[in-house]
Amino acid sequence: MTCSGCSGAVSRVLSKLDGVDSYDVSLENQTVVVKGSAPYETVLEKIKKTGKEVKSGQVVQ
């Protein structure tokens, strides 16, 4: 993510995704933290569909 438009696109898709309770998009840190019951793969695919590259990810219980 390089601009507020990028982070806004990620925020928009996450806000519409079932199973996402909350999320934090940090443009400064180039990170997205998602909390909820949505499957990891689903969240990952939604973010990728915005055209943003996902360099790494992890599931924390």
N, C-alpha and C. Protein backbone atom coordinates (compact mmCIF):
# COMPACT_ATOMS: atom_id res chain seq x y z
N MET A 1 0.85 -1.17 0.00
CA MET A 1 0.00 0.00 0.00
C MET A 1 0.89 1.23 0.00
N THR A 2 0.64 2.09 -0.94
CA THR A 2 1.49 3.27 -1.05
C THR A 2 0.75 4.59 -0.85
N CYS A 3 -0.60 4.52 -0.76
CA CYS A 3 -1.35 5.77 -0.60
C CYS A 3 -2.65 5.50 0.15
N SER A 4 -3.36 6.57 0.49
CA SER A 4 -4.61 6.40 1.21
C SER A 4 -5.67 5.73 0.34
N GLY A 5 -5.55 5.85 -0.98
CA GLY A 5 -6.46 5.14 -1.87
C GLY A 5 -6.29 3.63 -1.75
N CYS A 6 -5.04 3.20 -1.62
CA CYS A 6 -4.73 1.77 -1.46
C CYS A 6 -5.32 1.24 -0.16
N SER A 7 -5.04 1.93 0.93
CA SER A 7 -5.55 1.48 2.22
C SER A 7 -7.07 1.57 2.26
N GLY A 8 -7.64 2.56 1.57
CA GLY A 8 -9.09 2.68 1.50
C GLY A 8 -9.73 1.52 0.76
N ALA A 9 -9.09 1.05 -0.31
CA ALA A 9 -9.60 -0.09 -1.07
C ALA A 9 -9.61 -1.34 -0.20
N VAL A 10 -8.57 -1.56 0.57
CA VAL A 10 -8.50 -2.71 1.46
C VAL A 10 -9.57 -2.58 2.54
N SER A 11 -9.72 -1.41 3.11
CA SER A 11 -10.74 -1.19 4.14
C SER A 11 -12.14 -1.46 3.60
N ARG A 12 -12.41 -1.02 2.38
CA ARG A 12 -13.74 -1.22 1.79
C ARG A 12 -14.08 -2.70 1.64
N VAL A 13 -13.14 -3.50 1.14
CA VAL A 13 -13.46 -4.92 0.96
C VAL A 13 -13.60 -5.63 2.30
N LEU A 14 -12.79 -5.25 3.27
CA LEU A 14 -12.89 -5.90 4.58
C LEU A 14 -14.18 -5.51 5.31
N SER A 15 -14.64 -4.29 5.11
CA SER A 15 -15.86 -3.84 5.79
C SER A 15 -17.09 -4.59 5.28
N LYS A 16 -17.03 -5.14 4.09
CA LYS A 16 -18.16 -5.85 3.49
C LYS A 16 -18.06 -7.36 3.65
N LEU A 17 -16.98 -7.84 4.22
CA LEU A 17 -16.73 -9.28 4.30
C LEU A 17 -17.37 -9.88 5.55
N ASP A 18 -18.24 -10.87 5.35
CA ASP A 18 -18.85 -11.57 6.49
C ASP A 18 -17.78 -12.26 7.31
N GLY A 19 -17.92 -12.21 8.61
CA GLY A 19 -16.99 -12.88 9.51
C GLY A 19 -15.84 -12.01 9.96
N VAL A 20 -15.78 -10.77 9.48
CA VAL A 20 -14.74 -9.84 9.93
C VAL A 20 -15.34 -8.97 11.03
N ASP A 21 -14.82 -9.13 12.25
CA ASP A 21 -15.33 -8.35 13.39
C ASP A 21 -14.68 -6.97 13.43
N SER A 22 -13.38 -6.92 13.16
CA SER A 22 -12.66 -5.65 13.15
C SER A 22 -11.40 -5.80 12.32
N TYR A 23 -10.85 -4.67 11.92
CA TYR A 23 -9.62 -4.68 11.15
C TYR A 23 -8.90 -3.36 11.37
N ASP A 24 -7.59 -3.40 11.21
CA ASP A 24 -6.76 -2.21 11.34
C ASP A 24 -5.81 -2.17 10.15
N VAL A 25 -5.97 -1.14 9.33
CA VAL A 25 -5.12 -0.97 8.16
C VAL A 25 -4.13 0.14 8.47
N SER A 26 -2.85 -0.17 8.45
CA SER A 26 -1.81 0.81 8.73
C SER A 26 -1.01 1.08 7.46
N LEU A 27 -1.23 2.24 6.88
CA LEU A 27 -0.48 2.63 5.69
C LEU A 27 1.00 2.83 6.04
N GLU A 28 1.23 3.42 7.19
CA GLU A 28 2.61 3.69 7.64
C GLU A 28 3.42 2.41 7.79
N ASN A 29 2.80 1.39 8.42
CA ASN A 29 3.51 0.13 8.66
C ASN A 29 3.32 -0.89 7.55
N GLN A 30 2.47 -0.57 6.58
CA GLN A 30 2.19 -1.48 5.47
C GLN A 30 1.61 -2.80 5.98
N THR A 31 0.69 -2.72 6.96
CA THR A 31 0.12 -3.93 7.54
C THR A 31 -1.41 -3.84 7.61
N VAL A 32 -2.02 -5.01 7.68
CA VAL A 32 -3.45 -5.13 7.92
C VAL A 32 -3.63 -6.23 8.96
N VAL A 33 -4.35 -5.92 10.04
CA VAL A 33 -4.67 -6.91 11.06
C VAL A 33 -6.18 -7.09 11.04
N VAL A 34 -6.62 -8.33 10.85
CA VAL A 34 -8.04 -8.64 10.75
C VAL A 34 -8.41 -9.58 11.90
N LYS A 35 -9.52 -9.26 12.59
CA LYS A 35 -10.02 -10.12 13.66
C LYS A 35 -11.43 -10.56 13.29
N GLY A 36 -11.69 -11.85 13.51
CA GLY A 36 -13.02 -12.37 13.24
C GLY A 36 -12.97 -13.84 12.89
N SER A 37 -14.09 -14.33 12.38
CA SER A 37 -14.21 -15.75 12.08
C SER A 37 -14.09 -16.06 10.59
N ALA A 38 -13.86 -15.05 9.77
CA ALA A 38 -13.70 -15.28 8.33
C ALA A 38 -12.45 -16.13 8.09
N PRO A 39 -12.54 -17.12 7.21
CA PRO A 39 -11.36 -17.96 6.93
C PRO A 39 -10.20 -17.12 6.37
N TYR A 40 -9.01 -17.49 6.78
CA TYR A 40 -7.80 -16.79 6.34
C TYR A 40 -7.73 -16.68 4.83
N GLU A 41 -8.01 -17.79 4.14
CA GLU A 41 -7.92 -17.81 2.68
C GLU A 41 -8.90 -16.83 2.05
N THR A 42 -10.07 -16.68 2.63
CA THR A 42 -11.08 -15.75 2.11
C THR A 42 -10.61 -14.32 2.26
N VAL A 43 -10.08 -14.00 3.43
CA VAL A 43 -9.56 -12.64 3.68
C VAL A 43 -8.42 -12.34 2.72
N LEU A 44 -7.53 -13.28 2.56
CA LEU A 44 -6.38 -13.13 1.68
C LEU A 44 -6.82 -12.86 0.24
N GLU A 45 -7.78 -13.64 -0.24
CA GLU A 45 -8.26 -13.47 -1.61
C GLU A 45 -8.94 -12.12 -1.81
N LYS A 46 -9.70 -11.67 -0.84
CA LYS A 46 -10.37 -10.36 -0.94
C LYS A 46 -9.35 -9.24 -1.02
N ILE A 47 -8.31 -9.33 -0.22
CA ILE A 47 -7.27 -8.29 -0.25
C ILE A 47 -6.54 -8.33 -1.60
N LYS A 48 -6.22 -9.52 -2.09
CA LYS A 48 -5.53 -9.65 -3.38
C LYS A 48 -6.36 -9.09 -4.52
N LYS A 49 -7.70 -9.20 -4.44
CA LYS A 49 -8.57 -8.70 -5.51
C LYS A 49 -8.54 -7.18 -5.62
N THR A 50 -8.02 -6.49 -4.60
CA THR A 50 -7.89 -5.03 -4.69
C THR A 50 -6.67 -4.66 -5.53
N GLY A 51 -5.86 -5.67 -5.86
CA GLY A 51 -4.65 -5.42 -6.64
C GLY A 51 -3.42 -5.21 -5.78
N LYS A 52 -3.57 -5.35 -4.48
CA LYS A 52 -2.45 -5.17 -3.56
C LYS A 52 -1.71 -6.49 -3.38
N GLU A 53 -0.41 -6.42 -3.32
CA GLU A 53 0.42 -7.61 -3.12
C GLU A 53 0.44 -7.96 -1.64
N VAL A 54 0.24 -9.23 -1.35
CA VAL A 54 0.34 -9.72 0.02
C VAL A 54 1.66 -10.43 0.15
N LYS A 55 2.56 -9.88 0.96
CA LYS A 55 3.91 -10.44 1.08
C LYS A 55 4.00 -11.54 2.12
N SER A 56 3.19 -11.48 3.15
CA SER A 56 3.19 -12.53 4.17
C SER A 56 1.90 -12.43 4.97
N GLY A 57 1.60 -13.49 5.67
CA GLY A 57 0.41 -13.52 6.50
C GLY A 57 0.50 -14.62 7.51
N GLN A 58 -0.31 -14.50 8.54
CA GLN A 58 -0.33 -15.55 9.55
C GLN A 58 -1.66 -15.53 10.28
N VAL A 59 -2.01 -16.68 10.83
CA VAL A 59 -3.22 -16.81 11.63
C VAL A 59 -2.77 -16.92 13.07
N VAL A 60 -3.35 -16.09 13.93
CA VAL A 60 -3.05 -16.13 15.35
C VAL A 60 -4.32 -16.49 16.08
N GLN A 61 -4.25 -17.52 16.89
CA GLN A 61 -5.43 -17.98 17.64
C GLN A 61 -5.61 -17.19 18.90
